[in-house]
Amino acid sequence: MRLPVLVFDIETVPDVAAGRQLYDLDGLDDHDVASVMFHQRRQETGESDFLRLHLQRIVAISAVLRTGDGIKVWSLGDVSASEEELVRRFFDGIDRYTPCLVSWNGSGFDLPVLHYRALRYGIAAPRYWDTGDEDSSFRYNNYLSRFHWRHTDLMDVLAGYQARACAPLDELAVLLGFPGKLGMSGAKVWENYLAGDLAGIRNYCETDVLNTYLVYLRFEVMRGRLSAAQYDEECALLRDHLTQVGHAHFQEFLQAWRAK
């Protein structure tokens, strides 16, 4: 496994400020603005109310960072951090570590959303956008190419780059003996956000990124980049870290993992 590795996941809510601007909805509260946005989207698609990516606002970015010094699981910023700070921290981390990025559907969702939000806030991310102009090695392995390894979208890769073959992270994680989703889903993030439960959203995002990391470790075994013994060591390292940090949602994750 090439280090450092940064596994990441984001959670989003409707960008109601954009909704007010685009649909002339001044005077409506956030709930009603979002309802109009969802309705507009259903009108476009005939079924789904999943908003276009440029109308998503990031409320949490969670990560597993594996370096030669160890492992860390956390959410960027704190619960009071602005969206701009979260996005800036994400790209600053890439500039600092040049990690291998790992995601689940990151190419189809997380990274495009991050692109739009970074564009909105004028956030520079030269390392991320380099395709060989500054570092010649990035010509053949950069973050933007679908078929390069500097960003591994596990969902895309495991499906053989075929949309009809994609699997849900939750189901695949459970089939591999990992906890899967615990207590929340992406469909409930807006509801929990309106209820003021940003901490719960961040916790949920962290458990999602933990599932992604564990699937990635199994993938590295399949690729021949981790032996069975090394895989066991990586799992033990993660368990030790989650135990030492001691957060309640980490303990719940560990209990569910042991029960599989």
Protein backbone atom coordinates (compact mmCIF):
# COMPACT_ATOMS: atom_id res chain seq x y z
CA MET A 1 0.00 0.00 0.00
CA ARG A 2 1.49 3.29 -1.13
CA LEU A 3 1.47 5.87 1.68
CA PRO A 4 0.11 8.37 2.46
CA VAL A 5 -3.49 7.37 1.75
CA LEU A 6 -6.43 9.71 2.33
CA VAL A 7 -9.86 8.09 2.24
CA PHE A 8 -12.60 10.71 2.22
CA ASP A 9 -16.35 11.22 2.16
CA ILE A 10 -18.59 14.27 2.16
CA GLU A 11 -22.14 14.98 3.31
CA THR A 12 -24.23 17.67 1.66
CA VAL A 13 -27.48 19.56 2.01
CA PRO A 14 -29.38 21.71 -0.49
CA ASP A 15 -27.67 25.03 -1.19
CA VAL A 16 -30.72 27.04 -0.23
CA ALA A 17 -28.94 30.36 -0.87
CA ALA A 18 -28.47 29.27 -4.48
CA GLY A 19 -32.08 28.12 -4.60
CA ARG A 20 -33.32 31.53 -3.46
CA GLN A 21 -31.20 33.22 -6.12
CA LEU A 22 -32.07 30.92 -9.01
CA TYR A 23 -35.79 30.52 -8.31
CA ASP A 24 -36.55 33.98 -6.82
CA LEU A 25 -37.59 32.59 -3.44
CA ASP A 26 -36.81 35.48 -1.10
CA GLY A 27 -38.99 35.34 2.00
CA LEU A 28 -39.19 31.55 2.24
CA ASP A 29 -37.42 29.69 5.03
CA ASP A 30 -34.78 27.04 4.34
CA HIS A 31 -37.22 24.13 4.56
CA ASP A 32 -39.58 25.66 2.01
CA VAL A 33 -36.79 26.71 -0.34
CA ALA A 34 -35.42 23.17 -0.32
CA SER A 35 -38.93 21.81 -0.97
CA VAL A 36 -39.17 23.98 -4.09
CA MET A 37 -35.72 22.82 -5.20
CA PHE A 38 -36.68 19.17 -4.74
CA HIS A 39 -39.94 19.77 -6.64
CA GLN A 40 -38.09 21.44 -9.51
CA ARG A 41 -35.72 18.49 -9.70
CA ARG A 42 -38.59 15.97 -9.77
CA GLN A 43 -40.10 17.96 -12.61
CA GLU A 44 -36.82 17.66 -14.51
CA THR A 45 -36.27 13.96 -13.94
CA GLY A 46 -39.82 12.68 -13.67
CA GLU A 47 -38.89 10.80 -10.49
CA SER A 48 -35.74 11.64 -8.52
CA ASP A 49 -35.37 14.74 -6.36
CA PHE A 50 -31.60 14.32 -6.04
CA LEU A 51 -30.28 17.81 -6.69
CA ARG A 52 -27.71 18.62 -9.35
CA LEU A 53 -24.22 18.74 -7.92
CA HIS A 54 -23.74 22.51 -8.23
CA LEU A 55 -26.75 22.94 -5.93
CA GLN A 56 -25.25 20.87 -3.09
CA ARG A 57 -23.61 22.51 -0.05
CA ILE A 58 -21.01 20.60 1.96
CA VAL A 59 -21.64 20.28 5.70
CA ALA A 60 -19.11 17.56 6.55
CA ILE A 61 -15.90 16.13 5.15
CA SER A 62 -14.57 13.07 6.96
CA ALA A 63 -11.32 11.23 6.35
CA VAL A 64 -9.06 8.35 7.21
CA LEU A 65 -5.42 9.38 6.81
CA ARG A 66 -2.86 6.57 6.79
CA THR A 67 0.74 7.74 6.85
CA GLY A 68 4.03 6.21 7.91
CA ASP A 69 3.38 7.72 11.35
CA GLY A 70 0.10 5.88 11.88
CA ILE A 71 -3.59 6.41 11.24
CA LYS A 72 -6.14 9.12 12.00
CA VAL A 73 -9.93 9.23 11.58
CA TRP A 74 -11.66 12.59 11.88
CA SER A 75 -13.89 15.23 10.34
CA LEU A 76 -12.28 18.38 9.01
CA GLY A 77 -12.77 21.53 11.07
CA ASP A 78 -15.23 21.61 13.96
CA VAL A 79 -19.01 21.81 14.06
CA SER A 80 -18.88 25.60 13.73
CA ALA A 81 -16.55 25.60 10.71
CA SER A 82 -17.83 27.24 7.55
CA GLU A 83 -18.15 25.35 4.29
CA GLU A 84 -15.31 27.43 2.88
CA GLU A 85 -13.01 26.32 5.72
CA LEU A 86 -13.88 22.64 5.17
CA VAL A 87 -13.17 22.81 1.45
CA ARG A 88 -9.97 24.79 1.97
CA ARG A 89 -8.72 22.28 4.54
CA PHE A 90 -9.38 19.40 2.15
CA PHE A 91 -7.33 20.87 -0.68
CA ASP A 92 -4.64 22.18 1.67
CA GLY A 93 -4.19 18.59 2.87
CA ILE A 94 -3.60 17.45 -0.70
CA ASP A 95 -1.02 20.20 -1.19
CA ARG A 96 0.69 19.17 2.05
CA TYR A 97 0.74 15.37 1.77
CA THR A 98 0.10 14.56 -1.94
CA PRO A 99 -1.78 11.47 -0.76
CA CYS A 100 -3.38 8.73 -2.77
CA LEU A 101 -7.07 9.66 -2.59
CA VAL A 102 -9.61 6.89 -2.08
CA SER A 103 -13.38 7.31 -2.28
CA TRP A 104 -16.64 5.56 -2.96
CA ASN A 105 -18.24 7.30 -5.95
CA GLY A 106 -15.86 10.21 -5.47
CA SER A 107 -15.53 10.73 -9.22
CA GLY A 108 -19.28 10.87 -9.68
CA PHE A 109 -20.22 12.92 -6.63
CA ASP A 110 -17.74 14.02 -3.95
CA LEU A 111 -15.03 15.52 -6.14
CA PRO A 112 -17.32 17.37 -8.57
CA VAL A 113 -19.13 18.91 -5.59
CA LEU A 114 -15.77 19.92 -4.12
CA HIS A 115 -14.81 21.44 -7.47
CA TYR A 116 -17.91 23.62 -7.58
CA ARG A 117 -17.52 24.75 -3.97
CA ALA A 118 -13.80 25.52 -4.37
CA LEU A 119 -14.66 27.51 -7.51
CA ARG A 120 -17.27 29.44 -5.56
CA TYR A 121 -14.84 30.40 -2.79
CA GLY A 122 -11.81 31.01 -5.01
CA ILE A 123 -9.77 28.26 -3.36
CA ALA A 124 -6.44 27.46 -5.00
CA ALA A 125 -5.50 23.77 -5.24
CA PRO A 126 -2.47 23.60 -7.57
CA ARG A 127 -1.32 20.14 -6.56
CA TYR A 128 -4.74 18.65 -7.09
CA TRP A 129 -5.17 20.17 -10.55
CA ASP A 130 -1.67 19.38 -11.81
CA THR A 131 -1.63 17.07 -14.83
CA GLY A 132 2.09 17.29 -15.50
CA ASP A 133 2.76 20.96 -16.15
CA GLU A 134 4.41 21.47 -12.75
CA ASP A 135 5.39 17.89 -11.86
CA SER A 136 6.10 15.67 -14.87
CA SER A 137 5.20 12.52 -12.90
CA PHE A 138 1.61 13.78 -12.70
CA ARG A 139 1.30 13.41 -16.46
CA TYR A 140 0.97 9.68 -16.01
CA ASN A 141 -0.65 9.54 -12.56
CA ASN A 142 -2.82 12.47 -11.47
CA TYR A 143 -5.98 13.10 -9.51
CA LEU A 144 -8.18 13.89 -12.50
CA SER A 145 -7.79 10.90 -14.80
CA ARG A 146 -10.40 8.21 -14.34
CA PHE A 147 -7.85 5.47 -15.00
CA HIS A 148 -4.99 6.69 -12.81
CA TRP A 149 -4.33 5.48 -9.27
CA ARG A 150 -3.66 8.80 -7.53
CA HIS A 151 -7.40 8.87 -6.96
CA THR A 152 -9.07 5.47 -6.63
CA ASP A 153 -12.85 5.59 -6.84
CA LEU A 154 -13.54 2.13 -5.47
CA MET A 155 -17.11 2.00 -6.69
CA ASP A 156 -16.05 2.84 -10.24
CA VAL A 157 -13.03 0.54 -10.30
CA LEU A 158 -14.76 -2.49 -8.79
CA ALA A 159 -17.62 -2.09 -11.27
CA GLY A 160 -15.14 -2.21 -14.15
CA TYR A 161 -16.15 1.37 -15.02
CA GLN A 162 -19.66 0.13 -15.89
CA ALA A 163 -22.50 2.06 -14.26
CA ARG A 164 -24.86 -0.94 -14.36
CA ALA A 165 -22.36 -2.96 -12.29
CA CYS A 166 -22.03 -0.48 -9.41
CA ALA A 167 -22.78 -1.71 -5.88
CA PRO A 168 -23.95 0.26 -2.82
CA LEU A 169 -21.18 0.77 -0.26
CA ASP A 170 -23.42 -0.30 2.62
CA GLU A 171 -24.33 -3.64 1.05
CA LEU A 172 -20.81 -4.45 -0.08
CA ALA A 173 -19.36 -3.55 3.32
CA VAL A 174 -21.82 -5.86 5.08
CA LEU A 175 -21.08 -8.69 2.64
CA LEU A 176 -17.37 -8.32 3.44
CA GLY A 177 -17.98 -8.51 7.19
CA PHE A 178 -17.84 -4.79 7.97
CA PRO A 179 -20.49 -2.81 9.87
CA GLY A 180 -22.10 -0.89 7.01
CA LYS A 181 -24.33 2.08 7.81
CA LEU A 182 -25.13 2.77 11.45
CA GLY A 183 -28.18 4.80 12.44
CA MET A 184 -28.36 7.26 9.54
CA SER A 185 -28.30 7.39 5.76
CA GLY A 186 -27.61 10.07 3.19
CA ALA A 187 -31.34 10.49 2.68
CA LYS A 188 -31.72 11.67 6.29
CA VAL A 189 -28.89 14.22 6.31
CA TRP A 190 -31.10 17.20 5.38
CA GLU A 191 -33.66 16.25 8.03
CA ASN A 192 -30.94 15.95 10.67
CA TYR A 193 -29.34 19.20 9.53
CA LEU A 194 -32.61 21.09 9.95
CA ALA A 195 -32.87 19.57 13.44
CA GLY A 196 -29.43 20.98 14.29
CA ASP A 197 -27.72 17.60 14.52
CA LEU A 198 -24.51 18.51 12.68
CA ALA A 199 -22.49 16.43 15.14
CA GLY A 200 -24.56 13.38 14.24
CA ILE A 201 -24.00 14.02 10.54
CA ARG A 202 -20.24 14.23 11.08
CA ASN A 203 -20.30 10.98 13.08
CA TYR A 204 -22.26 9.27 10.32
CA CYS A 205 -19.80 10.54 7.71
CA GLU A 206 -16.90 9.15 9.75
CA THR A 207 -18.45 5.68 9.91
CA ASP A 208 -19.06 5.80 6.15
CA VAL A 209 -15.41 6.64 5.52
CA LEU A 210 -14.37 3.82 7.85
CA ASN A 211 -16.36 1.35 5.74
CA THR A 212 -14.70 2.73 2.62
CA TYR A 213 -11.25 2.35 4.14
CA LEU A 214 -11.91 -1.27 5.12
CA VAL A 215 -13.16 -2.10 1.63
CA TYR A 216 -10.01 -0.44 0.28
CA LEU A 217 -7.79 -2.65 2.46
CA ARG A 218 -9.53 -5.73 1.06
CA PHE A 219 -9.06 -4.31 -2.44
CA GLU A 220 -5.33 -3.88 -1.78
CA VAL A 221 -5.17 -7.56 -0.83
CA MET A 222 -6.90 -8.47 -4.08
CA ARG A 223 -4.41 -6.30 -6.01
CA GLY A 224 -1.50 -8.06 -4.30
CA ARG A 225 -0.33 -4.88 -2.58
CA LEU A 226 -1.09 -6.19 0.91
CA SER A 227 -0.43 -9.71 2.15
CA ALA A 228 -2.94 -11.43 4.42
CA ALA A 229 -0.66 -10.73 7.38
CA GLN A 230 -0.31 -7.05 6.44
CA TYR A 231 -4.07 -6.77 6.05
CA ASP A 232 -4.55 -8.12 9.56
CA GLU A 233 -1.98 -5.61 10.84
CA GLU A 234 -3.79 -2.72 9.17
CA CYS A 235 -7.11 -3.82 10.68
CA ALA A 236 -5.51 -4.14 14.12
CA LEU A 237 -3.99 -0.67 13.77
CA LEU A 238 -7.41 0.78 12.97
CA ARG A 239 -9.10 -1.05 15.83
CA ASP A 240 -6.46 0.22 18.27
CA HIS A 241 -6.90 3.79 17.05
CA LEU A 242 -10.69 3.71 17.34
CA THR A 243 -10.42 2.19 20.82
CA GLN A 244 -7.93 4.82 21.98
CA VAL A 245 -9.96 7.74 20.63
CA GLY A 246 -12.99 6.30 22.37
CA HIS A 247 -15.82 8.22 20.69
CA ALA A 248 -19.21 6.58 21.17
CA HIS A 249 -19.80 6.13 17.43
CA PHE A 250 -16.37 4.53 17.08
CA GLN A 251 -17.22 2.11 19.86
CA GLU A 252 -20.51 1.29 18.16
CA PHE A 253 -18.62 0.69 14.91
CA LEU A 254 -16.15 -1.61 16.67
CA GLN A 255 -18.93 -3.59 18.32
CA ALA A 256 -20.72 -4.04 14.99
CA TRP A 257 -17.44 -5.04 13.35
CA ARG A 258 -16.74 -7.69 16.00
CA ALA A 259 -20.28 -9.04 15.64
CA LYS A 260 -19.89 -9.78 11.92
